[in-house]
Amino acid sequence: MPVATTQQDDWWIATLADLRGDMDALVDDFVARLRAVGSGYEDVSEADVRSTARETLTLLITELRGEPIPPALADLPHRLGVRRARQGVDRDRLLEAVRLDYRVLWAGLTRVVAPADARLLVDHAEVVLSTVEDYIGEVQVAFLNEREILALDTRANETRAFARLLAAERPEEVAADVARELGVAADAEYEVILVPSASAAEARRLVSAIQHTRSRFLVWDFDDGVLFVRPRAEVLASHPLAATRGVVVDEIAGFAGVADAARLAHRLVPYAPAGRLSDEHELWPPVAAAALAPLLPGLSAAALGGLESVSPGDRERIIGTFLAYCESGSVKQTAEAGFVHRNTVVNRLRTFHDLTGMDPTVPRDAARALIALADASGETSSSL
């Protein structure tokens, strides 16, 4: 080995020894930097932070010196990753904290190295960075593995608890206990969403970002669909599952009502149109149409036959206006929603009455027409 290289290695080993002798200052620097970034370590004690910082910096300096790792530190990356996962530290916050080790080490090295040796220090920058990055990688693997284990355990416990509620003959008798196990309020207002199996994977992807937040869903798998349950929080238009085929039953007063709501959603979901989440009430007409079809065959043809006398374009506009009117019962709102004059709405509703014999302004006629249209199309649309 060339003399210059040997001298440089000796200098590096000696410099690292000086750095290790400055350990208290290194730990203080790490703690100060961690506080400064507001890292989300509020639930981790300062004693834990300081102890872990000392162990980590000792391990990294030992590796940089090329010395054997003490047995007490050999599994430190694994222990740290597991502990932080169990403490609920966010992954990004954990990695941000561990990356501070490089800045702490480099700041410490600049303190103990003489200005004349700055070039030698720069020559070792890459080895310091790669050593810290290797350590970060090991911590991250342990953290993610442990978090997955915890998630599986949590899901298993949730599944068992939820099964008690759904299977109970009298859900109100077990709701308080189940809610306590799941960590939810027994007396909150809930929403239940059932998504058919064909849309389940997409639905899980859409909610994945909030499953580690307070807005998370409880999830239950049926053979033919997936149930999502949480305290009612958002209107349908801004719901994370708004663009997913499924049924939402909301305004459920208390956790005990979730079981009946889930059964209702299960009966309704076959009638849900594609591409969006449907409110339970809009599915009543197709459900009624399906129930009446065996009793009154030809119901739609008889009720809607008069609409065949107009062109397809006119028929679509007339029906669309009728359906939009049924959403509000207001000519003014229907006109505004369709960007047409209110007289246009009145004329189309009158034409609907003339062609079908059913007056949209009479609730009984409107209900008959909605059922007939649902039987004819299998889906309703309020497009003008």
Protein backbone atom coordinates (compact mmCIF):
# COMPACT_ATOMS: atom_id res chain seq x y z
CA MET A 1 0.00 0.00 0.00
CA PRO A 2 1.42 3.45 -0.91
CA VAL A 3 2.67 5.51 2.02
CA ALA A 4 0.29 8.40 1.17
CA THR A 5 -2.73 6.09 1.28
CA THR A 6 -1.63 4.57 4.56
CA GLN A 7 -1.20 7.99 6.07
CA GLN A 8 -4.61 9.07 4.85
CA ASP A 9 -6.24 5.98 6.35
CA ASP A 10 -4.47 6.59 9.64
CA TRP A 11 -5.67 10.19 9.56
CA TRP A 12 -9.25 9.03 8.93
CA ILE A 13 -9.19 6.48 11.78
CA ALA A 14 -7.80 9.11 14.14
CA THR A 15 -10.35 11.69 13.03
CA LEU A 16 -13.19 9.26 13.67
CA ALA A 17 -11.78 8.55 17.13
CA ASP A 18 -11.89 12.28 17.86
CA LEU A 19 -15.45 12.36 16.55
CA ARG A 20 -16.49 9.49 18.82
CA GLY A 21 -14.97 11.37 21.75
CA ASP A 22 -17.35 14.22 20.95
CA MET A 23 -20.41 11.96 21.31
CA ASP A 24 -22.33 14.10 23.80
CA ALA A 25 -22.16 17.07 21.43
CA LEU A 26 -23.26 14.87 18.52
CA VAL A 27 -26.31 13.65 20.43
CA ASP A 28 -27.21 17.20 21.48
CA ASP A 29 -26.92 18.31 17.85
CA PHE A 30 -29.20 15.50 16.67
CA VAL A 31 -31.88 16.28 19.26
CA ALA A 32 -31.79 19.98 18.39
CA ARG A 33 -32.12 19.27 14.67
CA LEU A 34 -34.98 16.84 15.27
CA ARG A 35 -36.88 19.44 17.27
CA ALA A 36 -36.26 22.06 14.60
CA VAL A 37 -37.90 20.04 11.81
CA GLY A 38 -41.06 19.33 13.87
CA SER A 39 -40.70 15.71 12.98
CA GLY A 40 -43.82 14.10 14.40
CA TYR A 41 -41.95 12.44 17.26
CA GLU A 42 -44.24 13.93 19.90
CA ASP A 43 -45.15 10.48 21.24
CA VAL A 44 -41.50 9.39 21.53
CA SER A 45 -39.80 10.30 24.79
CA GLU A 46 -36.65 12.43 24.75
CA ALA A 47 -34.83 9.67 26.63
CA ASP A 48 -35.68 7.29 23.77
CA VAL A 49 -34.54 9.81 21.15
CA ARG A 50 -31.24 10.51 22.93
CA SER A 51 -30.51 6.84 23.59
CA THR A 52 -31.25 5.88 19.98
CA ALA A 53 -29.16 8.77 18.65
CA ARG A 54 -26.19 7.67 20.75
CA GLU A 55 -26.49 4.06 19.62
CA THR A 56 -26.94 5.03 15.97
CA LEU A 57 -24.01 7.44 15.86
CA THR A 58 -21.81 4.94 17.67
CA LEU A 59 -22.73 2.24 15.18
CA LEU A 60 -22.09 4.48 12.18
CA ILE A 61 -18.70 5.64 13.46
CA THR A 62 -17.75 2.04 14.21
CA GLU A 63 -18.64 1.02 10.66
CA LEU A 64 -16.72 3.97 9.21
CA ARG A 65 -13.64 2.88 11.21
CA GLY A 66 -13.98 -0.65 9.82
CA GLU A 67 -14.18 -2.19 13.29
CA PRO A 68 -16.27 -5.20 14.34
CA ILE A 69 -19.82 -4.24 15.33
CA PRO A 70 -20.53 -4.82 19.04
CA PRO A 71 -23.23 -7.47 19.57
CA ALA A 72 -25.41 -4.94 21.38
CA LEU A 73 -25.56 -2.82 18.21
CA ALA A 74 -25.70 -5.54 15.56
CA ASP A 75 -29.51 -5.54 15.35
CA LEU A 76 -29.98 -1.80 15.95
CA PRO A 77 -31.52 -1.02 12.51
CA HIS A 78 -34.10 -3.77 13.02
CA ARG A 79 -34.87 -2.74 16.60
CA LEU A 80 -35.24 0.91 15.65
CA GLY A 81 -37.52 0.22 12.68
CA VAL A 82 -39.76 -2.08 14.72
CA ARG A 83 -39.94 0.30 17.68
CA ARG A 84 -40.83 3.34 15.60
CA ALA A 85 -43.53 1.36 13.75
CA ARG A 86 -45.08 0.34 17.07
CA GLN A 87 -44.88 3.92 18.29
CA GLY A 88 -46.90 5.04 15.27
CA VAL A 89 -44.21 7.26 13.76
CA ASP A 90 -44.92 8.16 10.14
CA ARG A 91 -42.58 6.56 7.59
CA ASP A 92 -41.50 9.85 6.03
CA ARG A 93 -40.85 11.38 9.45
CA LEU A 94 -38.76 8.38 10.44
CA LEU A 95 -36.61 8.59 7.31
CA GLU A 96 -36.26 12.33 7.74
CA ALA A 97 -35.00 11.79 11.29
CA VAL A 98 -32.52 9.07 10.35
CA ARG A 99 -31.14 11.18 7.50
CA LEU A 100 -30.25 13.80 10.10
CA ASP A 101 -27.47 11.43 11.16
CA TYR A 102 -25.48 12.35 8.06
CA ARG A 103 -25.76 16.07 8.77
CA VAL A 104 -24.83 15.51 12.42
CA LEU A 105 -21.81 13.41 11.50
CA TRP A 106 -20.63 15.85 8.86
CA ALA A 107 -21.05 18.83 11.18
CA GLY A 108 -19.10 16.96 13.85
CA LEU A 109 -16.31 16.08 11.43
CA THR A 110 -15.95 19.70 10.37
CA ARG A 111 -15.53 20.61 14.04
CA VAL A 112 -12.76 18.11 14.78
CA VAL A 113 -10.84 18.42 11.48
CA ALA A 114 -8.23 21.13 11.10
CA PRO A 115 -8.79 23.60 8.23
CA ALA A 116 -5.62 22.33 6.56
CA ASP A 117 -7.17 18.84 6.31
CA ALA A 118 -10.43 19.96 4.68
CA ARG A 119 -9.48 18.32 1.38
CA LEU A 120 -8.95 14.98 3.11
CA LEU A 121 -12.35 15.30 4.72
CA VAL A 122 -14.05 16.00 1.38
CA ASP A 123 -12.42 12.83 0.01
CA HIS A 124 -14.38 10.84 2.63
CA ALA A 125 -17.77 12.50 2.09
CA GLU A 126 -19.06 9.70 -0.12
CA VAL A 127 -18.21 6.91 2.30
CA VAL A 128 -20.00 8.77 5.11
CA LEU A 129 -23.09 9.26 2.94
CA SER A 130 -23.19 5.67 1.70
CA THR A 131 -22.79 4.30 5.24
CA VAL A 132 -25.72 6.38 6.49
CA GLU A 133 -27.85 5.45 3.44
CA ASP A 134 -27.21 1.74 4.03
CA TYR A 135 -28.33 2.18 7.62
CA ILE A 136 -31.44 4.06 6.51
CA GLY A 137 -32.31 1.23 4.12
CA GLU A 138 -32.10 -1.40 6.88
CA VAL A 139 -34.22 0.70 9.24
CA GLN A 140 -36.85 1.26 6.55
CA VAL A 141 -37.15 -2.45 5.72
CA ALA A 142 -37.66 -3.33 9.38
CA PHE A 143 -40.15 -0.49 9.81
CA LEU A 144 -42.26 -1.46 6.79
CA ASN A 145 -42.25 -5.15 7.71
CA GLU A 146 -43.40 -4.39 11.24
CA ARG A 147 -46.05 -1.96 10.08
CA GLU A 148 -47.46 -4.61 7.75
CA ILE A 149 -47.57 -7.09 10.63
CA LEU A 150 -49.34 -4.53 12.80
CA ALA A 151 -51.78 -3.77 9.98
CA LEU A 152 -52.57 -7.46 9.56
CA ASP A 153 -53.13 -7.84 13.29
CA THR A 154 -55.34 -4.75 13.31
CA ARG A 155 -57.35 -5.97 10.33
CA ALA A 156 -57.77 -9.39 11.90
CA ASN A 157 -59.04 -7.85 15.14
CA GLU A 158 -61.35 -5.52 13.22
CA THR A 159 -62.68 -8.42 11.16
CA ARG A 160 -63.50 -10.47 14.25
CA ALA A 161 -65.17 -7.53 15.98
CA PHE A 162 -67.11 -6.47 12.90
CA ALA A 163 -68.31 -10.04 12.37
CA ARG A 164 -69.98 -9.93 15.79
CA LEU A 165 -71.98 -6.86 14.81
CA LEU A 166 -73.05 -8.12 11.38
CA ALA A 167 -74.02 -11.57 12.70
CA ALA A 168 -75.90 -10.38 15.78
CA GLU A 169 -79.68 -10.89 15.79
CA ARG A 170 -79.94 -7.79 17.96
CA PRO A 171 -77.03 -5.52 16.90
CA GLU A 172 -77.94 -2.92 19.52
CA GLU A 173 -76.92 -5.38 22.23
CA VAL A 174 -73.33 -5.73 20.99
CA ALA A 175 -72.79 -2.39 19.23
CA ALA A 176 -71.25 -0.57 22.21
CA ASP A 177 -68.72 -3.36 22.87
CA VAL A 178 -67.81 -3.72 19.19
CA ALA A 179 -67.44 0.04 18.79
CA ARG A 180 -65.10 0.11 21.78
CA GLU A 181 -62.97 -2.68 20.28
CA LEU A 182 -62.80 -0.84 16.97
CA GLY A 183 -62.05 2.51 18.56
CA VAL A 184 -65.11 4.26 17.12
CA ALA A 185 -67.99 6.13 18.72
CA ALA A 186 -71.10 4.04 19.36
CA ASP A 187 -73.41 7.05 19.07
CA ALA A 188 -71.92 8.76 15.99
CA GLU A 189 -73.70 9.11 12.65
CA TYR A 190 -72.34 6.55 10.16
CA GLU A 191 -72.18 5.91 6.44
CA VAL A 192 -72.06 2.48 4.82
CA ILE A 193 -70.83 1.92 1.27
CA LEU A 194 -71.07 -1.40 -0.52
CA VAL A 195 -68.97 -1.81 -3.66
CA PRO A 196 -69.40 -4.89 -5.88
CA SER A 197 -66.42 -7.20 -6.36
CA ALA A 198 -65.67 -5.93 -9.87
CA SER A 199 -65.00 -2.45 -8.46
CA ALA A 200 -63.43 -3.53 -5.16
CA ALA A 201 -59.75 -3.25 -6.16
CA GLU A 202 -60.23 0.27 -7.49
CA ALA A 203 -62.19 1.26 -4.40
CA ARG A 204 -59.42 0.04 -2.11
CA ARG A 205 -56.89 2.04 -4.12
CA LEU A 206 -59.01 5.19 -3.88
CA VAL A 207 -59.23 5.03 -0.07
CA SER A 208 -55.68 3.80 0.58
CA ALA A 209 -54.34 7.33 1.12
CA ILE A 210 -56.72 7.97 4.03
CA GLN A 211 -56.51 4.58 5.73
CA HIS A 212 -53.85 5.87 8.14
CA THR A 213 -55.86 8.99 9.03
CA ARG A 214 -58.88 9.77 11.19
CA SER A 215 -61.07 9.57 8.07
CA ARG A 216 -60.23 5.89 7.55
CA PHE A 217 -62.81 3.25 6.70
CA LEU A 218 -63.52 -0.01 8.45
CA VAL A 219 -63.50 -2.62 5.68
CA TRP A 220 -65.40 -5.90 5.47
CA ASP A 221 -65.15 -8.41 2.60
CA PHE A 222 -68.21 -10.24 1.34
CA ASP A 223 -68.06 -12.91 -1.38
CA ASP A 224 -69.62 -10.50 -3.86
CA GLY A 225 -68.43 -7.12 -2.64
CA VAL A 226 -66.62 -4.98 -0.09
CA LEU A 227 -68.20 -2.92 2.68
CA PHE A 228 -66.70 0.42 3.74
CA VAL A 229 -67.87 1.94 7.02
CA ARG A 230 -66.91 5.13 8.87
CA PRO A 231 -68.49 8.04 10.74
CA ARG A 232 -70.32 10.20 8.22
CA ALA A 233 -67.96 12.96 7.14
CA GLU A 234 -68.49 14.16 3.58
CA VAL A 235 -71.18 14.90 1.04
CA LEU A 236 -71.57 12.44 -1.79
CA ALA A 237 -70.13 14.73 -4.49
CA SER A 238 -66.75 14.96 -2.75
CA HIS A 239 -66.64 11.41 -1.42
CA PRO A 240 -63.42 9.48 -2.14
CA LEU A 241 -65.54 6.73 -3.70
CA ALA A 242 -67.83 9.10 -5.63
CA ALA A 243 -66.70 7.76 -9.02
CA THR A 244 -66.98 4.09 -8.01
CA ARG A 245 -69.97 1.86 -8.69
CA GLY A 246 -71.65 1.16 -5.39
CA VAL A 247 -74.35 2.16 -2.90
CA VAL A 248 -74.08 4.53 0.04
CA VAL A 249 -76.48 4.38 2.97
CA ASP A 250 -75.80 7.30 5.25
CA GLU A 251 -77.31 9.25 8.13
CA ILE A 252 -77.20 6.04 10.18
CA ALA A 253 -77.88 7.07 13.77
CA GLY A 254 -75.47 5.03 15.87
CA PHE A 255 -73.13 2.13 15.23
CA ALA A 256 -75.88 -0.41 15.90
CA GLY A 257 -77.61 0.68 12.68
CA VAL A 258 -74.62 -0.31 10.55
CA ALA A 259 -75.69 -3.97 10.38
CA ASP A 260 -79.14 -3.23 8.92
CA ALA A 261 -77.65 -0.63 6.60
CA ALA A 262 -75.15 -3.18 5.30
CA ARG A 263 -77.97 -5.63 4.54
CA LEU A 264 -79.92 -2.89 2.78
CA ALA A 265 -76.89 -1.88 0.68
CA HIS A 266 -76.39 -5.52 -0.25
CA ARG A 267 -79.91 -5.73 -1.63
CA LEU A 268 -79.57 -2.45 -3.53
CA VAL A 269 -76.12 -2.77 -5.09
CA PRO A 270 -77.20 -4.94 -8.08
CA TYR A 271 -79.27 -1.97 -9.25
CA ALA A 272 -76.48 0.61 -8.92
CA PRO A 273 -75.39 2.22 -12.21
CA ALA A 274 -71.76 2.07 -13.32
CA GLY A 275 -69.24 4.84 -12.81
CA ARG A 276 -70.56 6.48 -9.66
CA LEU A 277 -71.70 5.99 -6.10
CA SER A 278 -75.49 5.91 -5.75
CA ASP A 279 -77.57 7.11 -2.85
CA GLU A 280 -80.00 4.47 -1.57
CA HIS A 281 -83.06 6.60 -2.37
CA GLU A 282 -82.34 6.94 -6.08
CA LEU A 283 -82.37 3.14 -6.38
CA TRP A 284 -85.92 2.69 -5.13
CA PRO A 285 -87.46 2.97 -8.64
CA PRO A 286 -85.33 0.21 -10.21
CA VAL A 287 -85.87 -2.00 -7.17
CA ALA A 288 -89.62 -1.44 -7.40
CA ALA A 289 -89.53 -2.07 -11.15
CA ALA A 290 -87.74 -5.38 -10.64
CA ALA A 291 -90.26 -6.44 -7.99
CA LEU A 292 -93.26 -5.48 -10.16
CA ALA A 293 -91.98 -6.91 -13.44
CA PRO A 294 -93.16 -10.51 -12.76
CA LEU A 295 -96.56 -9.23 -11.58
CA LEU A 296 -97.10 -6.64 -14.31
CA PRO A 297 -95.28 -7.79 -17.42
CA GLY A 298 -95.14 -5.13 -20.10
CA LEU A 299 -95.50 -2.36 -17.51
CA SER A 300 -92.98 -0.08 -19.19
CA ALA A 301 -94.23 -0.61 -22.72
CA ALA A 302 -97.79 0.21 -21.72
CA ALA A 303 -96.88 3.26 -19.65
CA LEU A 304 -94.27 4.75 -21.97
CA GLY A 305 -95.51 3.68 -25.38
CA GLY A 306 -96.57 7.21 -26.28
CA LEU A 307 -92.95 8.40 -26.12
CA GLU A 308 -92.18 6.28 -29.17
CA SER A 309 -94.08 8.76 -31.32
CA VAL A 310 -91.33 11.40 -31.05
CA SER A 311 -87.79 11.34 -32.39
CA PRO A 312 -85.03 9.70 -30.27
CA GLY A 313 -83.46 13.11 -29.60
CA ASP A 314 -86.70 14.67 -28.43
CA ARG A 315 -87.53 11.59 -26.38
CA GLU A 316 -84.16 11.78 -24.61
CA ARG A 317 -84.65 15.47 -23.78
CA ILE A 318 -88.20 14.98 -22.54
CA ILE A 319 -87.27 12.07 -20.29
CA GLY A 320 -84.13 13.83 -19.09
CA THR A 321 -86.11 16.91 -18.10
CA PHE A 322 -88.69 14.76 -16.31
CA LEU A 323 -85.99 12.99 -14.33
CA ALA A 324 -84.24 16.24 -13.47
CA TYR A 325 -87.53 17.73 -12.32
CA CYS A 326 -88.10 14.74 -10.06
CA GLU A 327 -84.81 15.50 -8.30
CA SER A 328 -86.08 18.85 -6.97
CA GLY A 329 -89.73 19.32 -7.90
CA SER A 330 -88.77 22.82 -9.00
CA VAL A 331 -89.13 24.11 -12.55
CA LYS A 332 -86.70 26.93 -11.75
CA GLN A 333 -83.96 24.59 -10.45
CA THR A 334 -84.50 22.18 -13.33
CA ALA A 335 -84.09 25.00 -15.85
CA GLU A 336 -80.94 26.30 -14.14
CA ALA A 337 -79.41 22.85 -13.96
CA GLY A 338 -80.06 22.24 -17.66
CA PHE A 339 -79.17 25.77 -18.82
CA VAL A 340 -82.56 26.13 -20.51
CA HIS A 341 -85.45 28.58 -20.14
CA ARG A 342 -88.09 27.66 -17.57
CA ASN A 343 -90.72 27.63 -20.36
CA THR A 344 -88.71 24.88 -22.05
CA VAL A 345 -88.98 22.80 -18.89
CA VAL A 346 -92.72 23.46 -18.59
CA ASN A 347 -93.29 22.51 -22.24
CA ARG A 348 -91.31 19.27 -21.93
CA LEU A 349 -93.15 18.27 -18.76
CA ARG A 350 -96.46 19.00 -20.47
CA THR A 351 -95.38 16.90 -23.46
CA PHE A 352 -94.40 14.06 -21.11
CA HIS A 353 -97.90 14.24 -19.60
CA ASP A 354 -99.57 14.29 -23.00
CA LEU A 355 -97.59 11.30 -24.32
CA THR A 356 -97.75 9.08 -21.21
CA GLY A 357 -100.89 10.19 -19.40
CA MET A 358 -98.76 10.66 -16.26
CA ASP A 359 -98.46 14.16 -14.84
CA PRO A 360 -94.95 14.83 -13.41
CA THR A 361 -96.42 17.32 -10.94
CA VAL A 362 -98.66 14.65 -9.36
CA PRO A 363 -96.59 12.52 -6.96
CA ARG A 364 -98.44 9.27 -7.72
CA ASP A 365 -98.00 9.74 -11.47
CA ALA A 366 -94.36 10.72 -11.04
CA ALA A 367 -93.70 7.58 -9.00
CA ARG A 368 -95.36 5.37 -11.64
CA ALA A 369 -93.31 7.03 -14.38
CA LEU A 370 -90.04 6.63 -12.48
CA ILE A 371 -90.70 2.91 -11.97
CA ALA A 372 -91.67 2.45 -15.62
CA LEU A 373 -88.54 4.25 -16.82
CA ALA A 374 -86.36 2.20 -14.47
CA ASP A 375 -87.93 -0.99 -15.79
CA ALA A 376 -87.31 0.15 -19.37
CA SER A 377 -83.69 1.23 -18.96
CA GLY A 378 -82.38 -0.42 -15.83
CA GLU A 379 -80.88 2.93 -14.89
CA THR A 380 -82.07 6.52 -14.54
CA SER A 381 -80.25 9.64 -15.63
CA SER A 382 -80.99 13.27 -14.93
CA SER A 383 -79.13 14.67 -17.92
CA LEU A 384 -80.98 17.33 -19.88
